[in-house]
Each structure stands twice: as C-alpha cells, then as structure tokens.
C-alpha cells in the first residue's frame, strides 16, 4: 500500500471515529438532565407564595434534618425530603377561611416508570400524604391521626420534571372521620396550556381518622400543637410548636 493510500485510510478512520464521538456528545447534550425543580416555578406557585393571607405550612422535621434525626426519625420524609428526586412537595399553603390546602409538587427523575413519565404509585403517594396532612392541618396538631383510605383516579400521565398543583379540603367530618377530596392539576394558564382551564392529572377521595396514636413515643414532640407565626417578610406560617423544643 502506498503512503498516500495509507494516509487516506487513516484520515477516513479518524473522521469516522471523530464523527462518532461528536454524535455521542450531541446526543448526551440533547438529553434533558433533571437534577431538581426549576428555578422559575409556574405562575400559580408564585401567586401562592405572594398571597400573604395564606398560611405556609412548616414542620420542623421537614426542614431541620439534624433535629429530625435526634428526635427519633430514622430517615427522610418520603414526600418532603428537600433533596428528594422522586415526588417532592415543595410547599403547602392553607387558606384558613376556606379551609383549603394547596400544594406545589415536583415530580423528579426517580419517580419515573414509562419512559419520561411518572409512576402512578408516586402520584398515589402524594395523594396519601395530602389526605393525612389536610386532616392534621385543619385540626389542632400535626400527626394527629392517620390516612386509612386513598381512592385515586389517574386521569393523565405526568411528565418527569413537571411542577403541578394539588388542592383540596376536608369536605365532611363524622366524629373522628375526616372525608377528603383533592385534585392534582397544572394550576391553569401557562405557556403549555393557553386555555387557562386547569388540566387534571389525578383526583382523590380519601378518608383520615383523627385521634389515632401511630407512634409509640410519648414525649414533648408527640404533644406538639399548631401555631401561627408571622416571619419578618410578613408571611404567615402555620408551624408546629416543636420549633421551641431544644
């Protein structure tokens, strides 16, 4: 083989290898990497945060992980883990006048099932969390009962990376029973939904029971109550009295 032919062969081989590497890089870059919630949240989330009449819900064990560990929890909260990459409740807001709870929820990559879509079980786990906390929040203490029934209708697949709204309330009480209804939707008007009508992804009919002692602990933490606090920015917080426990 002549040197010119050999050089041409090497050139062609190098070009093919280079093209393969370039395609691999472009393919990798084209993949959507989802490490956490977007910095720019949907308009409905911004409106909730700006509405000073709403109580933002704060539990110490959601935010203070060192205290959580020392207080007897063994791990992170399933839906309120601030580093979680499955289904994560970014915030809950309570309308005290209407007794309505609204949440901002992110569905991360570890909630995936079908390619690019959230697992239905992650949606149901969110509904379970909501069913319990809406009953607790509308009573006088956190963890004041337990969810005992969660009936979820899955209406539309949730794409991974979505930030959605969950809104609902306790619509009826019968002694210790709290009947809950809620809907998971897109919050209304957006770039993807110009009609302005909320698109529903799931609906809940649930039941929680008040006054059920689930934990075996009997201490100051188990006796916590809700308190309404105003932060320096003027935001109302409904938080547990455990923030005072050292």
C-alpha atoms as a PDB file:
ATOM      1  CA  UNK A   1       0.000   0.000   0.000  1.00  0.00           C
ATOM      2  CA  UNK A   2       1.329   3.404  -0.920  1.00  0.00           C
ATOM      3  CA  UNK A   3       1.862   6.021   1.758  1.00  0.00           C
ATOM      4  CA  UNK A   4      -0.827   8.222   0.211  1.00  0.00           C
ATOM      5  CA  UNK A   5      -3.389   5.407   0.367  1.00  0.00           C
ATOM      6  CA  UNK A   6      -2.386   4.620   3.946  1.00  0.00           C
ATOM      7  CA  UNK A   7      -2.701   8.287   4.895  1.00  0.00           C
ATOM      8  CA  UNK A   8      -6.124   8.446   3.254  1.00  0.00           C
ATOM      9  CA  UNK A   9      -7.250   5.367   5.184  1.00  0.00           C
ATOM     10  CA  UNK A  10      -6.078   6.845   8.444  1.00  0.00           C
ATOM     11  CA  UNK A  11      -7.821  10.092   7.616  1.00  0.00           C
ATOM     12  CA  UNK A  12     -11.114   8.329   6.867  1.00  0.00           C
ATOM     13  CA  UNK A  13     -10.855   6.210  10.026  1.00  0.00           C
ATOM     14  CA  UNK A  14     -10.100   9.279  12.110  1.00  0.00           C
ATOM     15  CA  UNK A  15     -13.013  11.151  10.577  1.00  0.00           C
ATOM     16  CA  UNK A  16     -15.404   8.294  11.334  1.00  0.00           C
ATOM     17  CA  UNK A  17     -14.192   7.995  14.914  1.00  0.00           C
ATOM     18  CA  UNK A  18     -14.421  11.752  15.342  1.00  0.00           C
ATOM     19  CA  UNK A  19     -17.931  11.800  13.929  1.00  0.00           C
ATOM     20  CA  UNK A  20     -18.956   9.040  16.321  1.00  0.00           C
ATOM     21  CA  UNK A  21     -17.585  10.927  19.294  1.00  0.00           C
ATOM     22  CA  UNK A  22     -19.281  14.146  18.140  1.00  0.00           C
ATOM     23  CA  UNK A  23     -22.620  12.371  17.734  1.00  0.00           C
ATOM     24  CA  UNK A  24     -22.276  10.836  21.180  1.00  0.00           C
ATOM     25  CA  UNK A  25     -21.577  14.254  22.700  1.00  0.00           C
ATOM     26  CA  UNK A  26     -24.505  15.862  20.897  1.00  0.00           C
ATOM     27  CA  UNK A  27     -26.811  13.026  21.912  1.00  0.00           C
ATOM     28  CA  UNK A  28     -25.764  13.363  25.526  1.00  0.00           C
ATOM     29  CA  UNK A  29     -26.288  17.114  25.425  1.00  0.00           C
ATOM     30  CA  UNK A  30     -29.702  16.660  23.847  1.00  0.00           C
ATOM     31  CA  UNK A  31     -30.856  14.583  26.782  1.00  0.00           C
ATOM     32  CA  UNK A  32     -32.745  16.605  29.339  1.00  0.00           C
ATOM     33  CA  UNK A  33     -30.885  16.413  32.635  1.00  0.00           C
ATOM     34  CA  UNK A  34     -33.256  16.964  35.567  1.00  0.00           C
ATOM     35  CA  UNK A  35     -31.380  17.428  38.834  1.00  0.00           C
ATOM     36  CA  UNK A  36     -34.025  19.334  40.758  1.00  0.00           C
ATOM     37  CA  UNK A  37     -37.038  21.634  40.496  1.00  0.00           C
ATOM     38  CA  UNK A  38     -36.739  24.503  38.010  1.00  0.00           C
ATOM     39  CA  UNK A  39     -35.578  27.859  39.314  1.00  0.00           C
ATOM     40  CA  UNK A  40     -38.578  29.514  37.655  1.00  0.00           C
ATOM     41  CA  UNK A  41     -41.729  27.965  39.094  1.00  0.00           C
ATOM     42  CA  UNK A  42     -45.126  28.204  37.346  1.00  0.00           C
ATOM     43  CA  UNK A  43     -47.254  31.301  37.819  1.00  0.00           C
ATOM     44  CA  UNK A  44     -49.661  29.521  40.167  1.00  0.00           C
ATOM     45  CA  UNK A  45     -46.761  28.723  42.536  1.00  0.00           C
ATOM     46  CA  UNK A  46     -45.579  32.335  42.526  1.00  0.00           C
ATOM     47  CA  UNK A  47     -49.124  33.529  43.237  1.00  0.00           C
ATOM     48  CA  UNK A  48     -49.420  31.201  46.229  1.00  0.00           C
ATOM     49  CA  UNK A  49     -46.142  32.419  47.692  1.00  0.00           C
ATOM     50  CA  UNK A  50     -47.155  36.053  47.187  1.00  0.00           C
ATOM     51  CA  UNK A  51     -50.593  35.629  48.787  1.00  0.00           C
ATOM     52  CA  UNK A  52     -49.976  36.884  52.335  1.00  0.00           C
ATOM     53  CA  UNK A  53     -53.370  35.649  53.540  1.00  0.00           C
ATOM     54  CA  UNK A  54     -52.303  32.011  53.195  1.00  0.00           C
ATOM     55  CA  UNK A  55     -50.516  30.072  55.915  1.00  0.00           C
ATOM     56  CA  UNK A  56     -47.385  28.380  54.659  1.00  0.00           C
ATOM     57  CA  UNK A  57     -47.096  25.025  56.416  1.00  0.00           C
ATOM     58  CA  UNK A  58     -43.849  24.295  58.225  1.00  0.00           C
ATOM     59  CA  UNK A  59     -42.943  21.171  60.147  1.00  0.00           C
ATOM     60  CA  UNK A  60     -39.562  21.168  61.832  1.00  0.00           C
ATOM     61  CA  UNK A  61     -38.825  17.594  60.799  1.00  0.00           C
ATOM     62  CA  UNK A  62     -39.168  18.594  57.131  1.00  0.00           C
ATOM     63  CA  UNK A  63     -36.583  21.354  57.395  1.00  0.00           C
ATOM     64  CA  UNK A  64     -34.220  20.693  60.309  1.00  0.00           C
ATOM     65  CA  UNK A  65     -32.660  17.338  59.446  1.00  0.00           C
ATOM     66  CA  UNK A  66     -30.267  17.307  62.395  1.00  0.00           C
ATOM     67  CA  UNK A  67     -33.184  17.831  64.785  1.00  0.00           C
ATOM     68  CA  UNK A  68     -35.212  15.216  62.892  1.00  0.00           C
ATOM     69  CA  UNK A  69     -32.533  12.598  63.453  1.00  0.00           C
ATOM     70  CA  UNK A  70     -32.090  13.446  67.145  1.00  0.00           C
ATOM     71  CA  UNK A  71     -35.873  13.368  67.667  1.00  0.00           C
ATOM     72  CA  UNK A  72     -36.251   9.726  66.633  1.00  0.00           C
ATOM     73  CA  UNK A  73     -36.830   9.683  62.879  1.00  0.00           C
ATOM     74  CA  UNK A  74     -34.685   7.161  61.028  1.00  0.00           C
ATOM     75  CA  UNK A  75     -34.606   8.687  57.547  1.00  0.00           C
ATOM     76  CA  UNK A  76     -36.003  11.429  55.326  1.00  0.00           C
ATOM     77  CA  UNK A  77     -39.677  12.232  54.778  1.00  0.00           C
ATOM     78  CA  UNK A  78     -40.990  10.418  51.701  1.00  0.00           C
ATOM     79  CA  UNK A  79     -42.674  13.453  50.086  1.00  0.00           C
ATOM     80  CA  UNK A  80     -40.993  16.351  51.928  1.00  0.00           C
ATOM     81  CA  UNK A  81     -37.325  15.458  51.541  1.00  0.00           C
ATOM     82  CA  UNK A  82     -35.723  18.708  50.396  1.00  0.00           C
ATOM     83  CA  UNK A  83     -33.102  16.697  48.497  1.00  0.00           C
ATOM     84  CA  UNK A  84     -35.539  14.115  47.127  1.00  0.00           C
ATOM     85  CA  UNK A  85     -35.558  13.369  43.409  1.00  0.00           C
ATOM     86  CA  UNK A  86     -38.808  11.418  43.172  1.00  0.00           C
ATOM     87  CA  UNK A  87     -42.059  13.160  44.145  1.00  0.00           C
ATOM     88  CA  UNK A  88     -41.375  16.217  46.308  1.00  0.00           C
ATOM     89  CA  UNK A  89     -43.863  18.621  47.898  1.00  0.00           C
ATOM     90  CA  UNK A  90     -42.131  21.981  47.592  1.00  0.00           C
ATOM     91  CA  UNK A  91     -44.669  23.753  49.807  1.00  0.00           C
ATOM     92  CA  UNK A  92     -48.145  23.530  51.285  1.00  0.00           C
ATOM     93  CA  UNK A  93     -50.357  26.606  51.789  1.00  0.00           C
ATOM     94  CA  UNK A  94     -53.515  26.685  53.902  1.00  0.00           C
ATOM     95  CA  UNK A  95     -56.452  29.043  53.441  1.00  0.00           C
ATOM     96  CA  UNK A  96     -57.798  29.317  56.974  1.00  0.00           C
ATOM     97  CA  UNK A  97     -61.053  30.978  55.889  1.00  0.00           C
ATOM     98  CA  UNK A  98     -61.932  28.407  53.205  1.00  0.00           C
ATOM     99  CA  UNK A  99     -60.170  25.510  54.964  1.00  0.00           C
ATOM    100  CA  UNK A 100     -58.461  24.620  51.684  1.00  0.00           C
ATOM    101  CA  UNK A 101     -54.947  23.224  51.402  1.00  0.00           C
ATOM    102  CA  UNK A 102     -52.907  23.812  48.224  1.00  0.00           C
ATOM    103  CA  UNK A 103     -49.555  22.277  47.429  1.00  0.00           C
ATOM    104  CA  UNK A 104     -46.783  22.842  44.887  1.00  0.00           C
ATOM    105  CA  UNK A 105     -45.359  19.477  43.812  1.00  0.00           C
ATOM    106  CA  UNK A 106     -42.361  18.493  41.693  1.00  0.00           C
ATOM    107  CA  UNK A 107     -42.068  15.092  40.009  1.00  0.00           C
ATOM    108  CA  UNK A 108     -38.398  14.205  39.631  1.00  0.00           C
ATOM    109  CA  UNK A 109     -36.488  11.552  37.670  1.00  0.00           C
ATOM    110  CA  UNK A 110     -36.671   8.927  40.423  1.00  0.00           C
ATOM    111  CA  UNK A 111     -40.472   8.882  40.080  1.00  0.00           C
ATOM    112  CA  UNK A 112     -40.166   7.520  36.531  1.00  0.00           C
ATOM    113  CA  UNK A 113     -41.970   4.462  35.152  1.00  0.00           C
ATOM    114  CA  UNK A 114     -42.859   4.553  31.423  1.00  0.00           C
ATOM    115  CA  UNK A 115     -40.161   6.406  29.525  1.00  0.00           C
ATOM    116  CA  UNK A 116     -40.315  10.058  30.504  1.00  0.00           C
ATOM    117  CA  UNK A 117     -43.445   9.615  32.624  1.00  0.00           C
ATOM    118  CA  UNK A 118     -44.135   9.493  36.329  1.00  0.00           C
ATOM    119  CA  UNK A 119     -45.108   6.238  38.046  1.00  0.00           C
ATOM    120  CA  UNK A 120     -48.751   6.130  39.097  1.00  0.00           C
ATOM    121  CA  UNK A 121     -47.627   4.994  42.536  1.00  0.00           C
ATOM    122  CA  UNK A 122     -45.744   8.258  43.033  1.00  0.00           C
ATOM    123  CA  UNK A 123     -48.939  10.168  42.272  1.00  0.00           C
ATOM    124  CA  UNK A 124     -50.837   7.966  44.731  1.00  0.00           C
ATOM    125  CA  UNK A 125     -48.154   8.505  47.396  1.00  0.00           C
ATOM    126  CA  UNK A 126     -48.638  12.237  47.011  1.00  0.00           C
ATOM    127  CA  UNK A 127     -52.382  11.815  47.464  1.00  0.00           C
ATOM    128  CA  UNK A 128     -51.777   9.757  50.614  1.00  0.00           C
ATOM    129  CA  UNK A 129     -49.541  12.499  52.021  1.00  0.00           C
ATOM    130  CA  UNK A 130     -52.114  15.170  51.201  1.00  0.00           C
ATOM    131  CA  UNK A 131     -55.011  13.174  52.659  1.00  0.00           C
ATOM    132  CA  UNK A 132     -53.259  12.932  56.010  1.00  0.00           C
ATOM    133  CA  UNK A 133     -51.865  16.438  56.256  1.00  0.00           C
ATOM    134  CA  UNK A 134     -55.030  18.249  55.195  1.00  0.00           C
ATOM    135  CA  UNK A 135     -56.795  16.478  58.070  1.00  0.00           C
ATOM    136  CA  UNK A 136     -53.972  17.289  60.507  1.00  0.00           C
ATOM    137  CA  UNK A 137     -53.704  20.918  59.422  1.00  0.00           C
ATOM    138  CA  UNK A 138     -57.427  21.511  59.827  1.00  0.00           C
ATOM    139  CA  UNK A 139     -57.219  20.113  63.373  1.00  0.00           C
ATOM    140  CA  UNK A 140     -55.148  21.439  66.281  1.00  0.00           C
ATOM    141  CA  UNK A 141     -51.976  19.350  65.977  1.00  0.00           C
ATOM    142  CA  UNK A 142     -49.602  17.765  63.439  1.00  0.00           C
ATOM    143  CA  UNK A 143     -49.631  13.964  63.091  1.00  0.00           C
ATOM    144  CA  UNK A 144     -52.961  13.943  64.945  1.00  0.00           C
ATOM    145  CA  UNK A 145     -54.349  10.938  63.072  1.00  0.00           C
ATOM    146  CA  UNK A 146     -53.757   8.696  60.088  1.00  0.00           C
ATOM    147  CA  UNK A 147     -54.819   8.161  56.493  1.00  0.00           C
ATOM    148  CA  UNK A 148     -56.897   4.991  56.256  1.00  0.00           C
ATOM    149  CA  UNK A 149     -58.309   5.110  52.718  1.00  0.00           C
ATOM    150  CA  UNK A 150     -56.967   6.587  49.489  1.00  0.00           C
ATOM    151  CA  UNK A 151     -59.028   6.259  46.308  1.00  0.00           C
ATOM    152  CA  UNK A 152     -57.098   7.788  43.416  1.00  0.00           C
ATOM    153  CA  UNK A 153     -58.290   8.230  39.844  1.00  0.00           C
ATOM    154  CA  UNK A 154     -55.320   8.622  37.493  1.00  0.00           C
ATOM    155  CA  UNK A 155     -56.530  10.790  34.625  1.00  0.00           C
ATOM    156  CA  UNK A 156     -53.431  11.839  32.679  1.00  0.00           C
ATOM    157  CA  UNK A 157     -49.737  10.825  32.665  1.00  0.00           C
ATOM    158  CA  UNK A 158     -47.388  13.233  34.441  1.00  0.00           C
ATOM    159  CA  UNK A 159     -44.166  14.014  32.523  1.00  0.00           C
ATOM    160  CA  UNK A 160     -40.973  13.819  34.583  1.00  0.00           C
ATOM    161  CA  UNK A 161     -39.879  17.295  35.647  1.00  0.00           C
ATOM    162  CA  UNK A 162     -43.439  18.628  35.982  1.00  0.00           C
ATOM    163  CA  UNK A 163     -44.378  21.110  38.700  1.00  0.00           C
ATOM    164  CA  UNK A 164     -48.074  20.668  39.450  1.00  0.00           C
ATOM    165  CA  UNK A 165     -50.676  21.880  41.922  1.00  0.00           C
ATOM    166  CA  UNK A 166     -52.638  19.774  44.380  1.00  0.00           C
ATOM    167  CA  UNK A 167     -55.650  21.398  46.018  1.00  0.00           C
ATOM    168  CA  UNK A 168     -58.334  20.009  48.285  1.00  0.00           C
ATOM    169  CA  UNK A 169     -60.033  20.031  51.663  1.00  0.00           C
ATOM    170  CA  UNK A 170     -61.820  18.057  54.332  1.00  0.00           C
ATOM    171  CA  UNK A 171     -65.366  18.298  52.976  1.00  0.00           C
ATOM    172  CA  UNK A 172     -67.083  16.391  55.763  1.00  0.00           C
ATOM    173  CA  UNK A 173     -66.408  15.244  59.314  1.00  0.00           C
ATOM    174  CA  UNK A 174     -68.269  12.472  61.073  1.00  0.00           C
ATOM    175  CA  UNK A 175     -66.998  12.101  64.609  1.00  0.00           C
ATOM    176  CA  UNK A 176     -63.356  11.091  64.151  1.00  0.00           C
ATOM    177  CA  UNK A 177     -63.647  10.546  60.393  1.00  0.00           C
ATOM    178  CA  UNK A 178     -62.356  13.248  58.037  1.00  0.00           C
ATOM    179  CA  UNK A 179     -63.508  12.860  54.423  1.00  0.00           C
ATOM    180  CA  UNK A 180     -61.071  14.419  51.958  1.00  0.00           C
ATOM    181  CA  UNK A 181     -61.294  15.425  48.309  1.00  0.00           C
ATOM    182  CA  UNK A 182     -58.484  16.780  46.165  1.00  0.00           C
ATOM    183  CA  UNK A 183     -57.312  17.211  42.583  1.00  0.00           C
ATOM    184  CA  UNK A 184     -53.839  17.259  41.068  1.00  0.00           C
ATOM    185  CA  UNK A 185     -53.694  19.694  38.144  1.00  0.00           C
ATOM    186  CA  UNK A 186     -51.428  22.068  36.239  1.00  0.00           C
ATOM    187  CA  UNK A 187     -52.668  25.189  38.016  1.00  0.00           C
ATOM    188  CA  UNK A 188     -54.325  26.759  34.989  1.00  0.00           C
ATOM    189  CA  UNK A 189     -52.990  29.115  32.330  1.00  0.00           C
ATOM    190  CA  UNK A 190     -49.396  28.602  31.196  1.00  0.00           C
ATOM    191  CA  UNK A 191     -47.288  28.508  28.028  1.00  0.00           C
ATOM    192  CA  UNK A 192     -48.269  24.861  27.595  1.00  0.00           C
ATOM    193  CA  UNK A 193     -51.922  25.480  28.483  1.00  0.00           C
ATOM    194  CA  UNK A 194     -53.131  28.740  26.951  1.00  0.00           C
ATOM    195  CA  UNK A 195     -56.810  27.981  27.586  1.00  0.00           C
ATOM    196  CA  UNK A 196     -56.461  28.878  31.247  1.00  0.00           C
ATOM    197  CA  UNK A 197     -58.573  25.923  32.377  1.00  0.00           C
ATOM    198  CA  UNK A 198     -56.704  23.625  34.792  1.00  0.00           C
ATOM    199  CA  UNK A 199     -55.782  20.262  33.309  1.00  0.00           C
ATOM    200  CA  UNK A 200     -56.413  17.462  35.831  1.00  0.00           C
ATOM    201  CA  UNK A 201     -53.899  14.645  36.239  1.00  0.00           C
ATOM    202  CA  UNK A 202     -55.460  12.815  39.202  1.00  0.00           C
ATOM    203  CA  UNK A 203     -58.313  13.058  41.696  1.00  0.00           C
ATOM    204  CA  UNK A 204     -58.598  11.886  45.287  1.00  0.00           C
ATOM    205  CA  UNK A 205     -61.410  10.662  47.500  1.00  0.00           C
ATOM    206  CA  UNK A 206     -59.853   9.810  50.839  1.00  0.00           C
ATOM    207  CA  UNK A 207     -60.504   9.192  54.498  1.00  0.00           C
ATOM    208  CA  UNK A 208     -58.407  10.063  57.527  1.00  0.00           C
ATOM    209  CA  UNK A 209     -59.086   9.344  61.186  1.00  0.00           C
ATOM    210  CA  UNK A 210     -58.474  11.890  63.936  1.00  0.00           C
ATOM    211  CA  UNK A 211     -57.020  10.996  67.292  1.00  0.00           C
ATOM    212  CA  UNK A 212     -55.159   7.856  66.241  1.00  0.00           C
ATOM    213  CA  UNK A 213     -51.813   7.472  68.003  1.00  0.00           C
ATOM    214  CA  UNK A 214     -49.488   5.865  65.473  1.00  0.00           C
ATOM    215  CA  UNK A 215     -46.092   6.410  67.105  1.00  0.00           C
ATOM    216  CA  UNK A 216     -45.018   4.693  70.320  1.00  0.00           C
ATOM    217  CA  UNK A 217     -43.233   7.830  71.518  1.00  0.00           C
ATOM    218  CA  UNK A 218     -44.748   9.730  74.443  1.00  0.00           C
ATOM    219  CA  UNK A 219     -42.833  12.981  74.791  1.00  0.00           C
ATOM    220  CA  UNK A 220     -42.994  16.715  74.100  1.00  0.00           C
ATOM    221  CA  UNK A 221     -42.711  16.123  70.357  1.00  0.00           C
ATOM    222  CA  UNK A 222     -45.820  13.945  70.332  1.00  0.00           C
ATOM    223  CA  UNK A 223     -47.702  16.728  72.165  1.00  0.00           C
ATOM    224  CA  UNK A 224     -46.954  19.482  69.661  1.00  0.00           C
ATOM    225  CA  UNK A 225     -49.668  21.920  68.527  1.00  0.00           C
ATOM    226  CA  UNK A 226     -50.082  24.216  65.540  1.00  0.00           C
ATOM    227  CA  UNK A 227     -49.065  27.842  65.957  1.00  0.00           C
ATOM    228  CA  UNK A 228     -49.472  30.757  63.557  1.00  0.00           C
ATOM    229  CA  UNK A 229     -46.330  32.827  63.217  1.00  0.00           C
ATOM    230  CA  UNK A 230     -45.501  35.911  61.130  1.00  0.00           C
ATOM    231  CA  UNK A 231     -41.998  35.996  59.682  1.00  0.00           C
ATOM    232  CA  UNK A 232     -40.044  39.213  59.135  1.00  0.00           C
ATOM    233  CA  UNK A 233     -41.160  39.318  55.479  1.00  0.00           C
ATOM    234  CA  UNK A 234     -44.797  39.343  56.627  1.00  0.00           C
ATOM    235  CA  UNK A 235     -45.548  35.769  55.505  1.00  0.00           C
ATOM    236  CA  UNK A 236     -47.948  33.829  57.729  1.00  0.00           C
ATOM    237  CA  UNK A 237     -46.628  30.434  58.781  1.00  0.00           C
ATOM    238  CA  UNK A 238     -48.625  27.658  60.380  1.00  0.00           C
ATOM    239  CA  UNK A 239     -45.884  25.762  62.105  1.00  0.00           C
ATOM    240  CA  UNK A 240     -45.579  23.162  64.829  1.00  0.00           C
ATOM    241  CA  UNK A 241     -44.630  24.142  68.361  1.00  0.00           C
ATOM    242  CA  UNK A 242     -41.663  21.767  68.091  1.00  0.00           C
ATOM    243  CA  UNK A 243     -39.539  24.662  66.834  1.00  0.00           C
ATOM    244  CA  UNK A 244     -39.291  25.678  70.516  1.00  0.00           C
ATOM    245  CA  UNK A 245     -38.017  22.287  71.660  1.00  0.00           C
ATOM    246  CA  UNK A 246     -34.248  22.180  72.169  1.00  0.00           C
END
